[in-house]
Amino acid sequence: MKKLLILSLVCMLAVALTVSCKPKAKEVAPPPPPQAKEQPKVEKVEPPAAVQKPQLSEEELFLSKSLEQINSEKPLQMIHFDYDKYFIRDDAKAILESDAAWLKKFRTSRILVEGHCDERGTEDYNLALGEKRAKSAFDYLVSLGIPAERMKTISYGKSQPLDQGHDEGAWQMNRRAQFLVIEK
């Protein structure tokens, strides 16, 4: 029995030692809850302003367009002529003055002055009359200060009518000088 008592004592001692050798886990207290102090102010964040494209000058805008775009906008107005005539009518003078102002604004541009006729008359006669009409408009623009080097003339006679009709209204529309920008 002594042996049993000694054996029990040794076991108890061994258990006590193993329990006492374990490091004790330190209890960590949870962090204290935040105190109900004043909340930080939230600043409103503005979205970044849209990047504005630089404003182009009229000249830069003009140069950025193709000749096709420029001519489709019709910056130069056509003028009309009386039957079998090539002199500049009074109503056409104001139009040519406006066209000259545009040409003075865009000094690098060059134009083609086209002379046109109605369907009456022979092809040769209408080509000659169309040339006189183009030259008449050309000369008037030169008199307004547009350099002759910036312009060319051509006659289409009756080959390019604006109005396909066969009456005085159609013929009046077809007796014209019109302008085409050929260089910017």
N, C-alpha and C. Protein backbone atom coordinates (compact mmCIF):
# COMPACT_ATOMS: atom_id res chain seq x y z
N MET A 1 0.79 -1.12 0.00
CA MET A 1 0.00 0.00 0.00
C MET A 1 0.87 1.23 0.00
N LYS A 2 1.96 1.10 0.58
CA LYS A 2 2.91 2.17 0.57
C LYS A 2 3.30 2.49 -0.86
N LYS A 3 3.45 1.49 -1.62
CA LYS A 3 3.84 1.70 -3.01
C LYS A 3 2.73 2.45 -3.72
N LEU A 4 1.55 2.12 -3.43
CA LEU A 4 0.42 2.74 -4.07
C LEU A 4 0.32 4.20 -3.65
N LEU A 5 0.57 4.48 -2.48
CA LEU A 5 0.53 5.82 -1.95
C LEU A 5 1.63 6.66 -2.57
N ILE A 6 2.80 6.11 -2.71
CA ILE A 6 3.94 6.83 -3.29
C ILE A 6 3.64 7.06 -4.77
N LEU A 7 3.10 6.07 -5.42
CA LEU A 7 2.80 6.19 -6.84
C LEU A 7 1.74 7.29 -7.04
N SER A 8 0.75 7.36 -6.23
CA SER A 8 -0.30 8.37 -6.36
C SER A 8 0.29 9.74 -6.10
N LEU A 9 1.18 9.83 -5.15
CA LEU A 9 1.79 11.09 -4.83
C LEU A 9 2.65 11.59 -5.99
N VAL A 10 3.37 10.71 -6.62
CA VAL A 10 4.23 11.07 -7.76
C VAL A 10 3.35 11.54 -8.90
N CYS A 11 2.27 10.87 -9.17
CA CYS A 11 1.37 11.25 -10.27
C CYS A 11 0.80 12.62 -10.01
N MET A 12 0.40 12.87 -8.78
CA MET A 12 -0.19 14.17 -8.46
C MET A 12 0.83 15.27 -8.61
N LEU A 13 2.02 14.95 -8.21
CA LEU A 13 3.10 15.93 -8.32
C LEU A 13 3.39 16.23 -9.79
N ALA A 14 3.37 15.20 -10.64
CA ALA A 14 3.63 15.37 -12.06
C ALA A 14 2.54 16.22 -12.69
N VAL A 15 1.30 15.97 -12.33
CA VAL A 15 0.17 16.74 -12.89
C VAL A 15 0.29 18.18 -12.43
N ALA A 16 0.65 18.41 -11.18
CA ALA A 16 0.76 19.76 -10.65
C ALA A 16 1.86 20.52 -11.37
N LEU A 17 2.95 19.83 -11.65
CA LEU A 17 4.06 20.49 -12.32
C LEU A 17 3.69 20.85 -13.77
N THR A 18 3.02 19.94 -14.47
CA THR A 18 2.68 20.22 -15.86
C THR A 18 1.67 21.38 -15.93
N VAL A 19 0.76 21.45 -15.00
CA VAL A 19 -0.23 22.53 -15.01
C VAL A 19 0.45 23.83 -14.67
N SER A 20 1.40 23.81 -13.75
CA SER A 20 2.07 25.03 -13.34
C SER A 20 3.07 25.48 -14.39
N CYS A 21 3.53 24.64 -15.29
CA CYS A 21 4.51 25.00 -16.32
C CYS A 21 3.87 25.70 -17.51
N LYS A 22 2.60 25.50 -17.72
CA LYS A 22 1.94 26.16 -18.86
C LYS A 22 1.93 27.65 -18.60
N PRO A 23 2.30 28.43 -19.61
CA PRO A 23 2.22 29.88 -19.41
C PRO A 23 0.76 30.29 -19.39
N LYS A 24 0.48 31.17 -18.53
CA LYS A 24 -0.88 31.63 -18.42
C LYS A 24 -1.16 32.63 -19.53
N ALA A 25 -2.24 32.47 -20.20
CA ALA A 25 -2.63 33.40 -21.26
C ALA A 25 -3.09 34.68 -20.60
N LYS A 26 -2.52 35.74 -21.10
CA LYS A 26 -2.91 37.02 -20.55
C LYS A 26 -4.23 37.41 -21.18
N GLU A 27 -5.07 37.84 -20.38
CA GLU A 27 -6.35 38.29 -20.90
C GLU A 27 -6.19 39.72 -21.35
N VAL A 28 -6.50 39.97 -22.65
CA VAL A 28 -6.41 41.32 -23.20
C VAL A 28 -7.80 41.91 -23.17
N ALA A 29 -7.88 43.01 -22.57
CA ALA A 29 -9.18 43.66 -22.48
C ALA A 29 -9.50 44.28 -23.84
N PRO A 30 -10.74 44.20 -24.27
CA PRO A 30 -11.10 44.82 -25.55
C PRO A 30 -10.92 46.32 -25.48
N PRO A 31 -10.63 46.94 -26.65
CA PRO A 31 -10.42 48.40 -26.62
C PRO A 31 -11.71 49.09 -26.19
N PRO A 32 -11.57 50.17 -25.52
CA PRO A 32 -12.77 50.86 -25.06
C PRO A 32 -13.54 51.41 -26.27
N PRO A 33 -14.84 51.45 -26.17
CA PRO A 33 -15.62 51.99 -27.29
C PRO A 33 -15.31 53.48 -27.46
N PRO A 34 -15.39 53.95 -28.72
CA PRO A 34 -15.08 55.37 -28.92
C PRO A 34 -16.08 56.23 -28.16
N GLN A 35 -15.54 57.26 -27.65
CA GLN A 35 -16.40 58.14 -26.88
C GLN A 35 -17.23 58.97 -27.85
N ALA A 36 -18.36 59.32 -27.48
CA ALA A 36 -19.29 60.05 -28.33
C ALA A 36 -18.90 61.51 -28.37
N LYS A 37 -17.75 61.75 -28.97
CA LYS A 37 -17.30 63.12 -29.14
C LYS A 37 -17.87 63.65 -30.44
N GLU A 38 -17.53 64.82 -30.77
CA GLU A 38 -17.99 65.46 -31.99
C GLU A 38 -17.44 64.69 -33.20
N GLN A 39 -18.32 64.37 -34.15
CA GLN A 39 -17.91 63.65 -35.35
C GLN A 39 -17.13 64.61 -36.25
N PRO A 40 -16.13 64.09 -36.98
CA PRO A 40 -15.40 64.99 -37.89
C PRO A 40 -16.34 65.48 -39.00
N LYS A 41 -16.12 66.70 -39.44
CA LYS A 41 -16.97 67.28 -40.48
C LYS A 41 -16.59 66.66 -41.82
N VAL A 42 -17.60 66.32 -42.58
CA VAL A 42 -17.38 65.74 -43.89
C VAL A 42 -17.41 66.88 -44.89
N GLU A 43 -16.33 67.01 -45.62
CA GLU A 43 -16.27 68.07 -46.62
C GLU A 43 -16.81 67.54 -47.93
N LYS A 44 -17.58 68.39 -48.59
CA LYS A 44 -18.15 68.00 -49.88
C LYS A 44 -17.04 68.09 -50.92
N VAL A 45 -16.86 66.99 -51.63
CA VAL A 45 -15.82 66.96 -52.65
C VAL A 45 -16.49 67.25 -53.99
N GLU A 46 -16.04 68.32 -54.63
CA GLU A 46 -16.59 68.70 -55.92
C GLU A 46 -15.92 67.86 -57.01
N PRO A 47 -16.70 67.41 -57.98
CA PRO A 47 -16.06 66.68 -59.08
C PRO A 47 -15.16 67.66 -59.84
N PRO A 48 -14.10 67.15 -60.44
CA PRO A 48 -13.20 68.06 -61.15
C PRO A 48 -13.95 68.73 -62.30
N ALA A 49 -13.64 69.98 -62.49
CA ALA A 49 -14.29 70.73 -63.57
C ALA A 49 -13.92 70.10 -64.91
N ALA A 50 -14.89 70.10 -65.80
CA ALA A 50 -14.63 69.53 -67.13
C ALA A 50 -13.55 70.35 -67.81
N VAL A 51 -12.67 69.65 -68.45
CA VAL A 51 -11.57 70.32 -69.14
C VAL A 51 -12.15 71.00 -70.37
N GLN A 52 -11.98 72.29 -70.43
CA GLN A 52 -12.52 73.03 -71.57
C GLN A 52 -11.49 73.05 -72.68
N LYS A 53 -11.98 72.79 -73.88
CA LYS A 53 -11.10 72.85 -75.03
C LYS A 53 -10.81 74.32 -75.28
N PRO A 54 -9.60 74.61 -75.71
CA PRO A 54 -9.30 76.02 -75.97
C PRO A 54 -10.17 76.52 -77.13
N GLN A 55 -10.63 77.73 -76.99
CA GLN A 55 -11.46 78.31 -78.04
C GLN A 55 -10.59 78.62 -79.25
N LEU A 56 -11.03 78.14 -80.41
CA LEU A 56 -10.29 78.39 -81.63
C LEU A 56 -10.71 79.73 -82.21
N SER A 57 -9.74 80.43 -82.76
CA SER A 57 -10.07 81.68 -83.44
C SER A 57 -10.80 81.35 -84.73
N GLU A 58 -11.40 82.36 -85.32
CA GLU A 58 -12.13 82.14 -86.57
C GLU A 58 -11.18 81.62 -87.65
N GLU A 59 -9.97 82.14 -87.67
CA GLU A 59 -8.97 81.71 -88.65
C GLU A 59 -8.58 80.25 -88.42
N GLU A 60 -8.36 79.87 -87.14
CA GLU A 60 -7.99 78.49 -86.82
C GLU A 60 -9.13 77.53 -87.15
N LEU A 61 -10.35 77.94 -86.87
CA LEU A 61 -11.51 77.14 -87.19
C LEU A 61 -11.63 76.95 -88.71
N PHE A 62 -11.42 78.02 -89.44
CA PHE A 62 -11.46 77.97 -90.90
C PHE A 62 -10.40 77.01 -91.44
N LEU A 63 -9.19 77.11 -90.91
CA LEU A 63 -8.09 76.26 -91.39
C LEU A 63 -8.27 74.79 -91.00
N SER A 64 -9.05 74.54 -89.96
CA SER A 64 -9.26 73.15 -89.54
C SER A 64 -10.27 72.41 -90.43
N LYS A 65 -11.03 73.14 -91.23
CA LYS A 65 -12.04 72.53 -92.08
C LYS A 65 -11.45 72.13 -93.42
N SER A 66 -12.07 71.13 -94.04
CA SER A 66 -11.66 70.74 -95.38
C SER A 66 -12.30 71.71 -96.38
N LEU A 67 -11.77 71.73 -97.60
CA LEU A 67 -12.35 72.58 -98.64
C LEU A 67 -13.80 72.19 -98.91
N GLU A 68 -14.07 70.90 -98.84
CA GLU A 68 -15.43 70.42 -99.05
C GLU A 68 -16.38 70.98 -97.99
N GLN A 69 -15.93 70.98 -96.73
CA GLN A 69 -16.76 71.53 -95.66
C GLN A 69 -16.98 73.03 -95.86
N ILE A 70 -15.92 73.74 -96.19
CA ILE A 70 -16.02 75.18 -96.39
C ILE A 70 -17.01 75.49 -97.51
N ASN A 71 -16.87 74.81 -98.64
CA ASN A 71 -17.75 75.08 -99.77
C ASN A 71 -19.20 74.65 -99.49
N SER A 72 -19.39 73.62 -98.68
CA SER A 72 -20.76 73.20 -98.36
C SER A 72 -21.46 74.24 -97.49
N GLU A 73 -20.69 75.03 -96.75
CA GLU A 73 -21.26 76.11 -95.92
C GLU A 73 -21.60 77.34 -96.76
N LYS A 74 -21.15 77.37 -97.99
CA LYS A 74 -21.40 78.47 -98.94
C LYS A 74 -21.08 79.84 -98.33
N PRO A 75 -19.80 80.08 -98.00
CA PRO A 75 -19.45 81.37 -97.41
C PRO A 75 -19.53 82.51 -98.43
N LEU A 76 -19.44 82.18 -99.71
CA LEU A 76 -19.50 83.19 -100.77
C LEU A 76 -20.81 82.99 -101.54
N GLN A 77 -21.56 84.06 -101.69
CA GLN A 77 -22.85 83.98 -102.36
C GLN A 77 -22.69 84.22 -103.86
N MET A 78 -23.54 83.57 -104.62
CA MET A 78 -23.52 83.77 -106.07
C MET A 78 -24.27 85.03 -106.44
N ILE A 79 -23.99 85.52 -107.63
CA ILE A 79 -24.71 86.68 -108.16
C ILE A 79 -25.40 86.26 -109.45
N HIS A 80 -26.42 87.01 -109.83
CA HIS A 80 -27.17 86.69 -111.05
C HIS A 80 -27.06 87.82 -112.07
N PHE A 81 -27.32 87.46 -113.30
CA PHE A 81 -27.21 88.41 -114.41
C PHE A 81 -28.52 88.45 -115.19
N ASP A 82 -28.69 89.56 -115.92
CA ASP A 82 -29.83 89.69 -116.81
C ASP A 82 -29.56 88.88 -118.08
N TYR A 83 -30.63 88.66 -118.83
CA TYR A 83 -30.54 87.88 -120.08
C TYR A 83 -29.56 88.53 -121.05
N ASP A 84 -28.62 87.73 -121.52
CA ASP A 84 -27.65 88.13 -122.52
C ASP A 84 -26.74 89.28 -122.05
N LYS A 85 -26.56 89.43 -120.73
CA LYS A 85 -25.74 90.52 -120.18
C LYS A 85 -24.67 89.93 -119.26
N TYR A 86 -23.62 90.75 -119.07
CA TYR A 86 -22.56 90.32 -118.17
C TYR A 86 -22.11 91.44 -117.23
N PHE A 87 -22.84 92.57 -117.20
CA PHE A 87 -22.48 93.63 -116.28
C PHE A 87 -23.05 93.30 -114.89
N ILE A 88 -22.41 93.87 -113.86
CA ILE A 88 -22.81 93.60 -112.47
C ILE A 88 -24.03 94.46 -112.15
N ARG A 89 -25.13 93.80 -111.78
CA ARG A 89 -26.35 94.51 -111.41
C ARG A 89 -26.18 95.16 -110.04
N ASP A 90 -27.02 96.13 -109.74
CA ASP A 90 -26.95 96.83 -108.45
C ASP A 90 -27.18 95.88 -107.27
N ASP A 91 -28.11 94.92 -107.42
CA ASP A 91 -28.36 93.99 -106.32
C ASP A 91 -27.18 93.04 -106.10
N ALA A 92 -26.35 92.83 -107.11
CA ALA A 92 -25.20 91.94 -106.98
C ALA A 92 -24.01 92.64 -106.32
N LYS A 93 -23.98 93.96 -106.37
CA LYS A 93 -22.84 94.70 -105.79
C LYS A 93 -22.73 94.47 -104.29
N ALA A 94 -23.86 94.50 -103.60
CA ALA A 94 -23.84 94.26 -102.14
C ALA A 94 -23.38 92.84 -101.83
N ILE A 95 -23.78 91.90 -102.65
CA ILE A 95 -23.35 90.51 -102.45
C ILE A 95 -21.84 90.39 -102.65
N LEU A 96 -21.33 91.03 -103.70
CA LEU A 96 -19.88 90.97 -103.95
C LEU A 96 -19.09 91.69 -102.87
N GLU A 97 -19.65 92.76 -102.31
CA GLU A 97 -18.98 93.44 -101.20
C GLU A 97 -18.89 92.53 -99.98
N SER A 98 -19.94 91.78 -99.72
CA SER A 98 -19.94 90.81 -98.62
C SER A 98 -18.92 89.70 -98.89
N ASP A 99 -18.88 89.23 -100.13
CA ASP A 99 -17.91 88.20 -100.50
C ASP A 99 -16.48 88.72 -100.36
N ALA A 100 -16.26 89.98 -100.73
CA ALA A 100 -14.92 90.58 -100.61
C ALA A 100 -14.52 90.70 -99.14
N ALA A 101 -15.48 91.04 -98.27
CA ALA A 101 -15.18 91.13 -96.84
C ALA A 101 -14.74 89.76 -96.31
N TRP A 102 -15.41 88.70 -96.75
CA TRP A 102 -15.02 87.34 -96.33
C TRP A 102 -13.62 87.02 -96.84
N LEU A 103 -13.34 87.35 -98.08
CA LEU A 103 -12.02 87.08 -98.66
C LEU A 103 -10.92 87.88 -97.94
N LYS A 104 -11.24 89.07 -97.49
CA LYS A 104 -10.26 89.88 -96.75
C LYS A 104 -10.02 89.29 -95.37
N LYS A 105 -11.03 88.68 -94.79
CA LYS A 105 -10.88 88.06 -93.47
C LYS A 105 -10.00 86.82 -93.55
N PHE A 106 -10.18 86.04 -94.60
CA PHE A 106 -9.40 84.81 -94.77
C PHE A 106 -8.44 85.00 -95.93
N ARG A 107 -7.35 85.69 -95.63
CA ARG A 107 -6.40 86.17 -96.66
C ARG A 107 -5.64 85.07 -97.38
N THR A 108 -5.63 83.87 -96.84
CA THR A 108 -4.90 82.79 -97.50
C THR A 108 -5.75 82.03 -98.50
N SER A 109 -7.04 82.29 -98.49
CA SER A 109 -7.94 81.53 -99.38
C SER A 109 -7.83 82.01 -100.82
N ARG A 110 -8.07 81.06 -101.71
CA ARG A 110 -8.10 81.34 -103.15
C ARG A 110 -9.43 80.80 -103.68
N ILE A 111 -9.96 81.47 -104.70
CA ILE A 111 -11.27 81.07 -105.20
C ILE A 111 -11.26 80.88 -106.71
N LEU A 112 -12.27 80.15 -107.15
CA LEU A 112 -12.55 79.97 -108.57
C LEU A 112 -13.86 80.68 -108.84
N VAL A 113 -13.86 81.61 -109.80
CA VAL A 113 -15.06 82.34 -110.17
C VAL A 113 -15.63 81.64 -111.39
N GLU A 114 -16.83 81.08 -111.24
CA GLU A 114 -17.46 80.31 -112.31
C GLU A 114 -18.54 81.14 -113.00
N GLY A 115 -18.50 81.18 -114.33
CA GLY A 115 -19.53 81.86 -115.10
C GLY A 115 -20.50 80.84 -115.69
N HIS A 116 -21.80 81.09 -115.55
CA HIS A 116 -22.84 80.16 -116.02
C HIS A 116 -23.88 80.91 -116.84
N CYS A 117 -24.56 80.19 -117.72
CA CYS A 117 -25.60 80.75 -118.58
C CYS A 117 -26.84 79.87 -118.54
N ASP A 118 -27.94 80.40 -119.11
CA ASP A 118 -29.12 79.57 -119.24
C ASP A 118 -28.99 78.71 -120.49
N GLU A 119 -29.98 77.91 -120.77
CA GLU A 119 -29.89 76.93 -121.86
C GLU A 119 -30.06 77.53 -123.25
N ARG A 120 -30.50 78.77 -123.35
CA ARG A 120 -30.72 79.38 -124.65
C ARG A 120 -29.40 79.80 -125.26
N GLY A 121 -29.26 79.68 -126.54
CA GLY A 121 -28.04 80.05 -127.25
C GLY A 121 -27.17 78.83 -127.51
N THR A 122 -26.18 79.01 -128.37
CA THR A 122 -25.29 77.89 -128.72
C THR A 122 -24.29 77.66 -127.60
N GLU A 123 -23.66 76.53 -127.67
CA GLU A 123 -22.66 76.18 -126.65
C GLU A 123 -21.50 77.19 -126.68
N ASP A 124 -21.00 77.49 -127.87
CA ASP A 124 -19.88 78.44 -127.99
C ASP A 124 -20.27 79.82 -127.48
N TYR A 125 -21.46 80.28 -127.85
CA TYR A 125 -21.91 81.60 -127.40
C TYR A 125 -22.01 81.64 -125.88
N ASN A 126 -22.59 80.58 -125.28
CA ASN A 126 -22.77 80.55 -123.83
C ASN A 126 -21.44 80.40 -123.09
N LEU A 127 -20.48 79.69 -123.67
CA LEU A 127 -19.15 79.61 -123.05
C LEU A 127 -18.50 80.98 -123.02
N ALA A 128 -18.62 81.73 -124.10
CA ALA A 128 -18.05 83.08 -124.16
C ALA A 128 -18.76 84.01 -123.18
N LEU A 129 -20.09 83.94 -123.13
CA LEU A 129 -20.85 84.78 -122.21
C LEU A 129 -20.55 84.41 -120.75
N GLY A 130 -20.42 83.12 -120.47
CA GLY A 130 -20.07 82.68 -119.12
C GLY A 130 -18.70 83.20 -118.72
N GLU A 131 -17.75 83.22 -119.65
CA GLU A 131 -16.41 83.75 -119.38
C GLU A 131 -16.49 85.25 -119.06
N LYS A 132 -17.30 85.99 -119.80
CA LYS A 132 -17.46 87.43 -119.54
C LYS A 132 -18.09 87.66 -118.17
N ARG A 133 -19.04 86.83 -117.80
CA ARG A 133 -19.68 86.96 -116.49
C ARG A 133 -18.68 86.67 -115.36
N ALA A 134 -17.89 85.64 -115.52
CA ALA A 134 -16.87 85.31 -114.51
C ALA A 134 -15.85 86.44 -114.41
N LYS A 135 -15.44 86.98 -115.57
CA LYS A 135 -14.44 88.06 -115.60
C LYS A 135 -15.02 89.33 -114.99
N SER A 136 -16.29 89.59 -115.21
CA SER A 136 -16.94 90.76 -114.64
C SER A 136 -16.94 90.69 -113.10
N ALA A 137 -17.29 89.53 -112.56
CA ALA A 137 -17.28 89.34 -111.10
C ALA A 137 -15.85 89.43 -110.57
N PHE A 138 -14.91 88.83 -111.28
CA PHE A 138 -13.49 88.87 -110.94
C PHE A 138 -13.03 90.32 -110.84
N ASP A 139 -13.30 91.11 -111.88
CA ASP A 139 -12.85 92.51 -111.92
C ASP A 139 -13.48 93.33 -110.79
N TYR A 140 -14.74 93.06 -110.48
CA TYR A 140 -15.39 93.81 -109.40
C TYR A 140 -14.73 93.48 -108.06
N LEU A 141 -14.41 92.22 -107.84
CA LEU A 141 -13.72 91.84 -106.60
C LEU A 141 -12.34 92.48 -106.52
N VAL A 142 -11.65 92.57 -107.65
CA VAL A 142 -10.34 93.25 -107.67
C VAL A 142 -10.52 94.72 -107.31
N SER A 143 -11.58 95.34 -107.82
CA SER A 143 -11.84 96.75 -107.51
C SER A 143 -12.13 96.95 -106.03
N LEU A 144 -12.57 95.90 -105.34
CA LEU A 144 -12.85 95.97 -103.90
C LEU A 144 -11.62 95.61 -103.06
N GLY A 145 -10.48 95.38 -103.70
CA GLY A 145 -9.24 95.14 -102.96
C GLY A 145 -8.79 93.70 -102.87
N ILE A 146 -9.43 92.80 -103.59
CA ILE A 146 -9.00 91.40 -103.56
C ILE A 146 -7.92 91.21 -104.63
N PRO A 147 -6.75 90.71 -104.26
CA PRO A 147 -5.68 90.52 -105.25
C PRO A 147 -6.07 89.52 -106.33
N ALA A 148 -5.74 89.87 -107.57
CA ALA A 148 -6.08 89.02 -108.72
C ALA A 148 -5.42 87.65 -108.61
N GLU A 149 -4.28 87.57 -107.95
CA GLU A 149 -3.56 86.29 -107.81
C GLU A 149 -4.34 85.27 -106.99
N ARG A 150 -5.30 85.73 -106.23
CA ARG A 150 -6.09 84.83 -105.39
C ARG A 150 -7.32 84.28 -106.10
N MET A 151 -7.50 84.62 -107.37
CA MET A 151 -8.71 84.20 -108.07
C MET A 151 -8.38 83.64 -109.45
N LYS A 152 -9.19 82.71 -109.89
CA LYS A 152 -9.15 82.16 -111.24
C LYS A 152 -10.57 82.20 -111.78
N THR A 153 -10.70 82.19 -113.09
CA THR A 153 -12.03 82.17 -113.69
C THR A 153 -12.19 80.95 -114.59
N ILE A 154 -13.44 80.55 -114.75
CA ILE A 154 -13.78 79.46 -115.67
C ILE A 154 -15.21 79.69 -116.14
N SER A 155 -15.51 79.26 -117.35
CA SER A 155 -16.87 79.33 -117.86
C SER A 155 -17.40 77.92 -118.07
N TYR A 156 -18.60 77.70 -117.58
CA TYR A 156 -19.26 76.43 -117.81
C TYR A 156 -20.40 76.58 -118.82
N GLY A 157 -20.60 77.80 -119.31
CA GLY A 157 -21.66 78.02 -120.28
C GLY A 157 -22.99 77.54 -119.73
N LYS A 158 -23.68 76.70 -120.51
CA LYS A 158 -24.97 76.18 -120.07
C LYS A 158 -24.89 74.75 -119.56
N SER A 159 -23.68 74.25 -119.31
CA SER A 159 -23.49 72.82 -118.98
C SER A 159 -23.85 72.45 -117.54
N GLN A 160 -23.95 73.43 -116.63
CA GLN A 160 -24.24 73.10 -115.22
C GLN A 160 -25.38 73.96 -114.68
N PRO A 161 -26.60 73.71 -115.15
CA PRO A 161 -27.72 74.52 -114.66
C PRO A 161 -28.07 74.20 -113.21
N LEU A 162 -28.46 75.23 -112.47
CA LEU A 162 -28.96 75.01 -111.10
C LEU A 162 -30.38 74.48 -111.15
N ASP A 163 -31.16 75.02 -112.05
CA ASP A 163 -32.58 74.65 -112.19
C ASP A 163 -32.76 74.00 -113.55
N GLN A 164 -33.31 72.81 -113.58
CA GLN A 164 -33.48 72.05 -114.82
C GLN A 164 -34.71 72.49 -115.62
N GLY A 165 -35.47 73.46 -115.12
CA GLY A 165 -36.69 73.89 -115.79
C GLY A 165 -36.41 74.60 -117.10
N HIS A 166 -37.49 74.84 -117.85
CA HIS A 166 -37.37 75.48 -119.16
C HIS A 166 -38.28 76.71 -119.22
N ASP A 167 -38.19 77.54 -118.19
CA ASP A 167 -38.98 78.76 -118.16
C ASP A 167 -38.12 79.90 -117.62
N GLU A 168 -38.69 81.10 -117.61
CA GLU A 168 -37.92 82.29 -117.22
C GLU A 168 -37.37 82.17 -115.79
N GLY A 169 -38.13 81.59 -114.87
CA GLY A 169 -37.65 81.42 -113.49
C GLY A 169 -36.41 80.54 -113.43
N ALA A 170 -36.40 79.45 -114.17
CA ALA A 170 -35.24 78.55 -114.20
C ALA A 170 -34.07 79.24 -114.89
N TRP A 171 -34.35 79.92 -115.99
CA TRP A 171 -33.27 80.59 -116.74
C TRP A 171 -32.61 81.68 -115.88
N GLN A 172 -33.43 82.42 -115.10
CA GLN A 172 -32.88 83.46 -114.22
C GLN A 172 -31.92 82.85 -113.20
N MET A 173 -32.28 81.70 -112.64
CA MET A 173 -31.41 81.04 -111.66
C MET A 173 -30.09 80.58 -112.29
N ASN A 174 -30.14 80.21 -113.54
CA ASN A 174 -28.97 79.66 -114.21
C ASN A 174 -28.01 80.72 -114.75
N ARG A 175 -28.45 81.96 -114.90
CA ARG A 175 -27.58 83.05 -115.35
C ARG A 175 -26.87 83.60 -114.12
N ARG A 176 -25.67 83.10 -113.87
CA ARG A 176 -25.03 83.41 -112.58
C ARG A 176 -23.51 83.35 -112.66
N ALA A 177 -22.92 83.91 -111.63
CA ALA A 177 -21.49 83.68 -111.33
C ALA A 177 -21.49 83.16 -109.90
N GLN A 178 -20.78 82.08 -109.71
CA GLN A 178 -20.68 81.54 -108.36
C GLN A 178 -19.23 81.30 -108.03
N PHE A 179 -18.97 81.11 -106.74
CA PHE A 179 -17.60 81.10 -106.24
C PHE A 179 -17.31 79.81 -105.49
N LEU A 180 -16.17 79.25 -105.75
CA LEU A 180 -15.74 78.01 -105.12
C LEU A 180 -14.38 78.26 -104.47
N VAL A 181 -14.27 77.95 -103.19
CA VAL A 181 -12.98 78.07 -102.49
C VAL A 181 -12.11 76.89 -102.94
N ILE A 182 -10.94 77.19 -103.52
CA ILE A 182 -10.07 76.14 -104.03
C ILE A 182 -8.80 75.96 -103.22
N GLU A 183 -8.55 76.90 -102.32
CA GLU A 183 -7.36 76.80 -101.46
C GLU A 183 -7.64 77.59 -100.20
N LYS A 184 -7.18 77.03 -99.08
CA LYS A 184 -7.38 77.78 -97.82
C LYS A 184 -6.09 78.16 -97.28
